[in-house]
Protein backbone atom coordinates (compact mmCIF):
# COMPACT_ATOMS: atom_id res chain seq x y z
CA UNK A 1 0.00 0.00 0.00
CA UNK A 2 2.91 2.36 0.81
CA UNK A 3 4.42 1.94 -2.66
CA UNK A 4 1.10 2.61 -4.36
CA UNK A 5 0.50 5.73 -2.33
CA UNK A 6 3.97 7.11 -2.87
CA UNK A 7 3.69 6.31 -6.58
CA UNK A 8 0.96 8.94 -6.54
CA UNK A 9 3.53 11.55 -5.54
CA UNK A 10 4.02 13.52 -8.76
CA UNK A 11 7.76 14.17 -9.06
CA UNK A 12 8.27 17.53 -10.66
CA UNK A 13 11.80 18.37 -11.83
CA UNK A 14 12.99 21.79 -12.89
CA UNK A 15 16.40 23.00 -13.88
CA UNK A 16 17.53 26.56 -13.11
CA UNK A 17 20.17 28.04 -15.46
CA UNK A 18 22.00 31.33 -15.06
CA UNK A 19 24.01 33.01 -17.87
CA UNK A 20 27.24 34.87 -17.23
CA UNK A 21 28.35 38.13 -18.82
CA UNK A 22 27.85 38.27 -22.61
CA UNK A 23 31.55 38.34 -23.45
CA UNK A 24 32.55 35.54 -21.05
CA UNK A 25 29.57 33.26 -21.64
CA UNK A 26 30.46 31.54 -18.35
CA UNK A 27 28.13 28.79 -17.03
CA UNK A 28 26.72 29.33 -13.54
CA UNK A 29 26.18 26.42 -11.12
CA UNK A 30 23.30 24.19 -12.14
CA UNK A 31 20.48 23.58 -9.65
CA UNK A 32 17.55 21.17 -9.66
CA UNK A 33 14.31 21.13 -7.70
CA UNK A 34 12.29 18.02 -6.88
CA UNK A 35 8.67 18.56 -5.82
CA UNK A 36 5.97 16.11 -4.77
CA UNK A 37 2.35 16.05 -3.69
CA UNK A 38 1.67 16.29 0.07
CA UNK A 39 0.83 13.14 2.02
CA UNK A 40 -1.93 13.35 4.61
CA UNK A 41 -0.67 13.44 8.20
CA UNK A 42 3.01 13.62 7.16
CA UNK A 43 5.21 15.65 9.52
CA UNK A 44 8.23 15.76 7.19
CA UNK A 45 9.79 14.16 4.12
CA UNK A 46 13.21 12.67 3.41
CA UNK A 47 14.72 12.80 -0.09
CA UNK A 48 17.57 10.40 -0.89
CA UNK A 49 19.54 10.49 -4.15
CA UNK A 50 22.25 8.01 -5.22
CA UNK A 51 24.57 8.11 -8.19
CA UNK A 52 25.07 5.32 -10.73
CA UNK A 53 27.58 3.62 -8.41
CA UNK A 54 25.13 3.51 -5.50
CA UNK A 55 26.83 6.23 -3.47
CA UNK A 56 24.54 8.66 -1.64
CA UNK A 57 24.99 12.17 -3.04
CA UNK A 58 21.98 13.82 -1.38
CA UNK A 59 20.11 12.96 1.83
CA UNK A 60 18.05 15.70 3.45
CA UNK A 61 14.80 16.01 5.41
CA UNK A 62 12.31 18.86 5.09
CA UNK A 63 8.81 19.79 6.20
CA UNK A 64 8.12 21.23 2.73
CA UNK A 65 7.03 19.32 -0.36
CA UNK A 66 10.12 20.19 -2.42
CA UNK A 67 13.91 20.27 -2.19
CA UNK A 68 16.51 22.13 -4.23
CA UNK A 69 20.02 20.74 -4.75
CA UNK A 70 22.96 20.99 -7.16
CA UNK A 71 24.26 17.90 -8.94
CA UNK A 72 26.32 17.51 -12.12
CA UNK A 73 24.74 15.94 -15.22
CA UNK A 74 24.43 12.17 -15.02
CA UNK A 75 22.21 9.24 -14.11
CA UNK A 76 20.87 8.95 -10.59
CA UNK A 77 18.08 7.30 -8.64
CA UNK A 78 15.96 8.73 -5.82
CA UNK A 79 13.27 7.84 -3.28
CA UNK A 80 11.05 9.77 -0.87
CA UNK A 81 10.06 8.76 2.67
CA UNK A 82 7.15 10.36 4.55
CA UNK A 83 7.41 10.57 8.36
CA UNK A 84 4.40 10.67 10.70
CA UNK A 85 3.83 12.98 13.67
CA UNK A 86 5.87 10.64 15.89
CA UNK A 87 8.86 11.17 13.55
CA UNK A 88 8.72 7.56 12.40
CA UNK A 89 8.80 6.44 8.73
CA UNK A 90 5.20 5.96 7.60
CA UNK A 91 5.63 5.43 3.83
CA UNK A 92 8.82 4.72 1.87
CA UNK A 93 8.74 4.65 -1.91
CA UNK A 94 10.73 2.49 -4.27
CA UNK A 95 13.87 3.78 -5.96
CA UNK A 96 13.11 5.63 -9.21
CA UNK A 97 15.48 6.71 -12.01
CA UNK A 98 16.54 10.32 -12.33
CA UNK A 99 18.53 11.77 -15.25
CA UNK A 100 20.11 15.21 -15.13
CA UNK A 101 20.94 16.63 -18.56
CA UNK A 102 23.55 19.24 -19.47
CA UNK A 103 22.03 22.70 -19.91
CA UNK A 104 22.19 24.32 -23.31
CA UNK A 105 23.71 27.81 -23.11
CA UNK A 106 22.44 30.40 -25.54
CA UNK A 107 25.21 32.52 -27.07
CA UNK A 108 24.67 36.24 -26.55
CA UNK A 109 26.46 38.63 -28.87
CA UNK A 110 26.84 42.30 -27.88
CA UNK A 111 27.06 43.23 -31.58
CA UNK A 112 23.62 41.79 -32.37
CA UNK A 113 21.36 44.68 -33.53
CA UNK A 114 18.38 45.57 -31.42
CA UNK A 115 14.88 46.63 -32.43
CA UNK A 116 15.69 50.24 -31.46
CA UNK A 117 18.58 50.32 -33.98
CA UNK A 118 16.90 48.61 -36.96
CA UNK A 119 13.21 49.22 -36.36
CA UNK A 120 12.64 45.47 -36.74
CA UNK A 121 12.06 42.93 -33.97
CA UNK A 122 15.29 41.27 -32.90
CA UNK A 123 15.75 37.54 -32.35
CA UNK A 124 13.88 36.16 -29.36
CA UNK A 125 15.49 33.59 -27.09
CA UNK A 126 13.68 30.30 -26.85
CA UNK A 127 11.68 29.87 -23.67
CA UNK A 128 10.92 26.46 -22.25
CA UNK A 129 9.03 25.30 -19.21
CA UNK A 130 9.87 22.13 -17.29
CA UNK A 131 7.59 19.31 -18.28
CA UNK A 132 4.92 18.57 -15.70
CA UNK A 133 5.27 21.80 -13.71
CA UNK A 134 1.82 23.22 -12.92
CA UNK A 135 1.69 26.98 -13.70
CA UNK A 136 -0.12 27.64 -10.43
CA UNK A 137 2.80 26.19 -8.46
CA UNK A 138 5.85 27.50 -10.32
CA UNK A 139 6.90 30.63 -12.13
CA UNK A 140 10.16 31.86 -13.61
CA UNK A 141 11.85 35.20 -13.17
CA UNK A 142 14.04 36.91 -15.77
CA UNK A 143 17.16 34.92 -14.87
CA UNK A 144 15.42 31.59 -15.40
CA UNK A 145 15.34 30.72 -11.72
CA UNK A 146 12.28 28.86 -10.49
CA UNK A 147 10.12 30.73 -8.01
CA UNK A 148 8.06 28.41 -5.83
CA UNK A 149 4.59 29.55 -4.83
CA UNK A 150 3.49 27.95 -1.57
CA UNK A 151 0.03 26.45 -1.83
CA UNK A 152 -1.56 24.64 1.08
CA UNK A 153 -3.72 21.64 0.23
CA UNK A 154 -7.40 22.15 1.09
CA UNK A 155 -8.74 20.51 4.22
CA UNK A 156 -10.92 17.79 2.77
CA UNK A 157 -11.78 14.13 3.15
CA UNK A 158 -11.19 13.60 -0.60
CA UNK A 159 -14.54 11.81 -0.87
CA UNK A 160 -13.25 8.87 1.17
CA UNK A 161 -15.68 7.18 3.57
CA UNK A 162 -13.95 6.46 6.86
CA UNK A 163 -14.64 3.78 9.45
CA UNK A 164 -13.40 4.09 13.04
CA UNK A 165 -13.45 1.86 16.12
CA UNK A 166 -12.73 3.14 19.62
CA UNK A 167 -12.57 2.07 23.27
CA UNK A 168 -13.45 4.76 25.81
CA UNK A 169 -13.33 5.45 29.52
CA UNK A 170 -16.78 6.90 30.34
CA UNK A 171 -17.40 8.13 33.90
CA UNK A 172 -20.88 9.42 34.77
CA UNK A 173 -22.25 12.55 36.43
CA UNK A 174 -25.87 12.06 37.72
CA UNK A 175 -27.99 14.86 36.40
CA UNK A 176 -31.71 14.36 35.75
CA UNK A 177 -34.66 13.89 38.11
CA UNK A 178 -34.81 15.08 41.70
CA UNK A 179 -35.33 11.59 43.11
CA UNK A 180 -32.63 10.01 40.99
CA UNK A 181 -29.97 12.71 41.36
CA UNK A 182 -30.76 13.14 45.05
CA UNK A 183 -29.64 9.59 45.78
CA UNK A 184 -26.05 10.12 44.73
CA UNK A 185 -23.65 11.77 47.12
CA UNK A 186 -20.73 12.06 44.71
CA UNK A 187 -20.57 14.42 41.74
CA UNK A 188 -18.81 11.89 39.50
CA UNK A 189 -18.70 8.08 39.38
CA UNK A 190 -15.57 6.95 37.56
CA UNK A 191 -16.51 3.38 36.61
CA UNK A 192 -17.60 3.18 32.98
CA UNK A 193 -16.49 1.81 29.62
CA UNK A 194 -17.78 2.06 26.06
CA UNK A 195 -16.91 0.51 22.70
CA UNK A 196 -17.97 2.33 19.54
CA UNK A 197 -17.80 2.05 15.76
CA UNK A 198 -18.51 4.85 13.29
CA UNK A 199 -19.01 4.69 9.52
CA UNK A 200 -19.39 7.58 7.10
CA UNK A 201 -22.42 7.31 4.81
CA UNK A 202 -22.08 10.58 2.91
CA UNK A 203 -18.90 12.62 2.37
CA UNK A 204 -18.74 16.05 0.74
CA UNK A 205 -15.65 18.24 1.07
CA UNK A 206 -14.62 18.39 4.74
CA UNK A 207 -18.10 17.24 5.86
CA UNK A 208 -19.40 13.76 6.60
CA UNK A 209 -22.68 12.24 7.78
CA UNK A 210 -22.77 8.73 9.18
CA UNK A 211 -23.86 6.26 11.83
CA UNK A 212 -22.32 5.45 15.19
CA UNK A 213 -23.07 2.20 17.02
CA UNK A 214 -22.05 1.79 20.64
CA UNK A 215 -22.18 -0.46 23.66
CA UNK A 216 -21.49 0.86 27.16
CA UNK A 217 -21.40 -0.05 30.81
CA UNK A 218 -21.69 2.24 33.84
CA UNK A 219 -21.77 1.59 37.58
CA UNK A 220 -23.08 4.06 40.16
CA UNK A 221 -23.06 3.12 43.83
CA UNK A 222 -23.49 4.95 47.12
CA UNK A 223 -24.28 4.45 50.81
CA UNK A 224 -27.26 6.26 52.40
CA UNK A 225 -27.50 5.91 56.21
CA UNK A 226 -26.28 2.33 56.15
CA UNK A 227 -28.19 1.36 52.99
CA UNK A 228 -25.88 0.29 50.17
CA UNK A 229 -27.38 1.18 46.80
CA UNK A 230 -25.93 0.55 43.35
CA UNK A 231 -27.18 0.89 39.80
CA UNK A 232 -25.53 -0.95 36.93
CA UNK A 233 -26.36 0.06 33.38
CA UNK A 234 -25.65 -1.75 30.14
CA UNK A 235 -26.54 0.20 27.04
CA UNK A 236 -26.56 -0.31 23.28
CA UNK A 237 -27.37 2.58 20.99
CA UNK A 238 -27.36 3.78 17.40
CA UNK A 239 -26.82 7.45 16.55
CA UNK A 240 -26.75 9.65 13.47
CA UNK A 241 -23.79 12.04 13.43
CA UNK A 242 -22.36 14.97 11.50
CA UNK A 243 -18.59 15.47 11.35
CA UNK A 244 -16.42 18.26 9.98
CA UNK A 245 -12.68 18.12 9.36
CA UNK A 246 -11.26 21.33 10.82
CA UNK A 247 -7.58 20.52 10.29
CA UNK A 248 -5.90 17.64 8.43
CA UNK A 249 -5.68 15.79 11.78
CA UNK A 250 -8.64 17.27 13.68
CA UNK A 251 -12.33 16.35 13.34
CA UNK A 252 -15.29 17.75 15.29
CA UNK A 253 -18.53 15.77 15.40
CA UNK A 254 -21.91 15.73 17.06
CA UNK A 255 -24.97 13.52 16.94
CA UNK A 256 -27.98 12.03 18.64
CA UNK A 257 -29.79 8.72 18.73
CA UNK A 258 -31.53 6.11 20.82
CA UNK A 259 -31.11 2.62 22.15
CA UNK A 260 -31.93 0.16 24.90
CA UNK A 261 -30.72 0.20 28.51
CA UNK A 262 -30.64 -2.78 30.87
CA UNK A 263 -30.66 -1.62 34.49
CA UNK A 264 -29.82 -3.64 37.61
CA UNK A 265 -30.50 -2.06 41.01
CA UNK A 266 -29.10 -3.65 44.18
CA UNK A 267 -30.00 -2.59 47.74
CA UNK A 268 -28.61 -4.10 50.93
CA UNK A 269 -27.97 -3.25 54.58
CA UNK A 270 -27.02 -4.91 57.82
CA UNK A 271 -30.69 -5.18 58.80
CA UNK A 272 -32.19 -6.49 55.56
CA UNK A 273 -30.95 -8.98 52.95
CA UNK A 274 -29.87 -7.81 49.52
CA UNK A 275 -32.65 -7.08 47.07
CA UNK A 276 -32.30 -6.79 43.32
CA UNK A 277 -34.48 -5.30 40.60
CA UNK A 278 -33.91 -5.33 36.86
CA UNK A 279 -35.60 -3.71 33.87
CA UNK A 280 -35.13 -3.05 30.18
CA UNK A 281 -36.10 0.42 28.97
CA UNK A 282 -35.57 2.76 26.02
CA UNK A 283 -32.81 5.34 26.16
CA UNK A 284 -31.83 8.47 24.26
CA UNK A 285 -28.42 10.12 23.88
CA UNK A 286 -26.67 13.11 22.38
CA UNK A 287 -22.95 13.79 22.09
CA UNK A 288 -20.20 16.18 21.02
CA UNK A 289 -16.70 14.90 20.29
CA UNK A 290 -13.29 16.00 19.00
CA UNK A 291 -10.83 13.56 17.41
CA UNK A 292 -7.12 14.07 16.84
CA UNK A 293 -5.10 11.65 14.68
CA UNK A 294 -1.45 11.12 15.57
CA UNK A 295 -0.87 9.02 12.46
CA UNK A 296 -3.01 8.12 9.49
CA UNK A 297 -4.75 5.44 11.58
CA UNK A 298 -4.09 5.98 15.32
CA UNK A 299 -5.78 8.77 17.25
CA UNK A 300 -7.43 9.93 20.44
CA UNK A 301 -10.83 11.53 21.02
CA UNK A 302 -12.49 13.41 23.85
CA UNK A 303 -16.13 14.32 24.20
CA UNK A 304 -19.23 14.76 26.30
CA UNK A 305 -22.43 12.70 26.07
CA UNK A 306 -25.86 13.02 27.64
CA UNK A 307 -27.73 9.78 28.35
CA UNK A 308 -31.28 9.39 29.61
CA UNK A 309 -33.05 6.12 30.47
CA UNK A 310 -36.83 6.44 30.13
CA UNK A 311 -38.45 4.39 32.88
CA UNK A 312 -42.24 4.19 33.12
CA UNK A 313 -42.70 7.03 35.63
CA UNK A 314 -39.12 8.03 36.17
CA UNK A 315 -36.20 9.29 34.10
CA UNK A 316 -32.60 8.56 34.99
CA UNK A 317 -30.11 10.81 33.23
CA UNK A 318 -26.45 11.62 33.41
CA UNK A 319 -23.61 13.38 31.67
CA UNK A 320 -20.75 11.19 30.51
CA UNK A 321 -17.40 12.81 29.72
CA UNK A 322 -15.26 10.37 27.79
CA UNK A 323 -11.72 9.86 26.64
CA UNK A 324 -10.93 7.17 24.08
CA UNK A 325 -8.29 5.74 21.83
CA UNK A 326 -9.37 5.08 18.25
CA UNK A 327 -8.23 3.36 15.08
CA UNK A 328 -9.31 4.63 11.65
CA UNK A 329 -9.56 2.32 8.66
């Protein structure tokens, strides 16, 4: 997969040529520029060039998508390596051939008549552009040097539907209903886990709409005047979400949906034996979340969810901050 992706890097070569004084016709040093398309989530790029004997003649790393160097005419080979945000090689391309040709110097004669002297147009020097150089990305000044025009790639999903799985730590903060919230003495109960999977259904520019399926578990327990009380919740839900790519590595998303909650309540004390009650009820949820990708696949997300379990005459609700690790396919 790495070779295929790096094969998509369009290698653009340009040769800069400077002419000396007209009477000396002295050749200035020859320079070359190699440019390539940006790779998503790449922190920097390494360009290696070897001569025909296999000796390394150029090996430099840059955060830009081009490098300029000076090599004599001859046959070479090169490859490009993209590094991720952890400064580790993410994609390394295969070696490709590179040929540097001798520049052709145009002779300039000071005795050549000009248009002002003869009234006729004088000879015009041939002008050539490097093959494959987009005009929006390169221009030439009067000396023939290449002037690079920085152009940031747009923040987009490139029409690609993404699928992500994550495992989250999900504590709970009791919130809804006077009876329900009044039972809990603590502001936050730290025991909770959730597993989720998201899939884009529609992608347009930096936007995406999709579905998120999840399964979670929360435990809330307290002690009221010698009465031990605990609620255990197991939830499954399905939500519709909207996501926007803010930066190449940052997504913001929000959504809402519904599901089913299984609740187990346990009460016990020194005076009475333990009693249990269980029920299955509908639930609703809403969430906001931010995701940051360290590499093309590995990332972390943080968010806040609201969950409500709709009992017959009672509603149990809580806020659930969450922190998760995720893997994007």
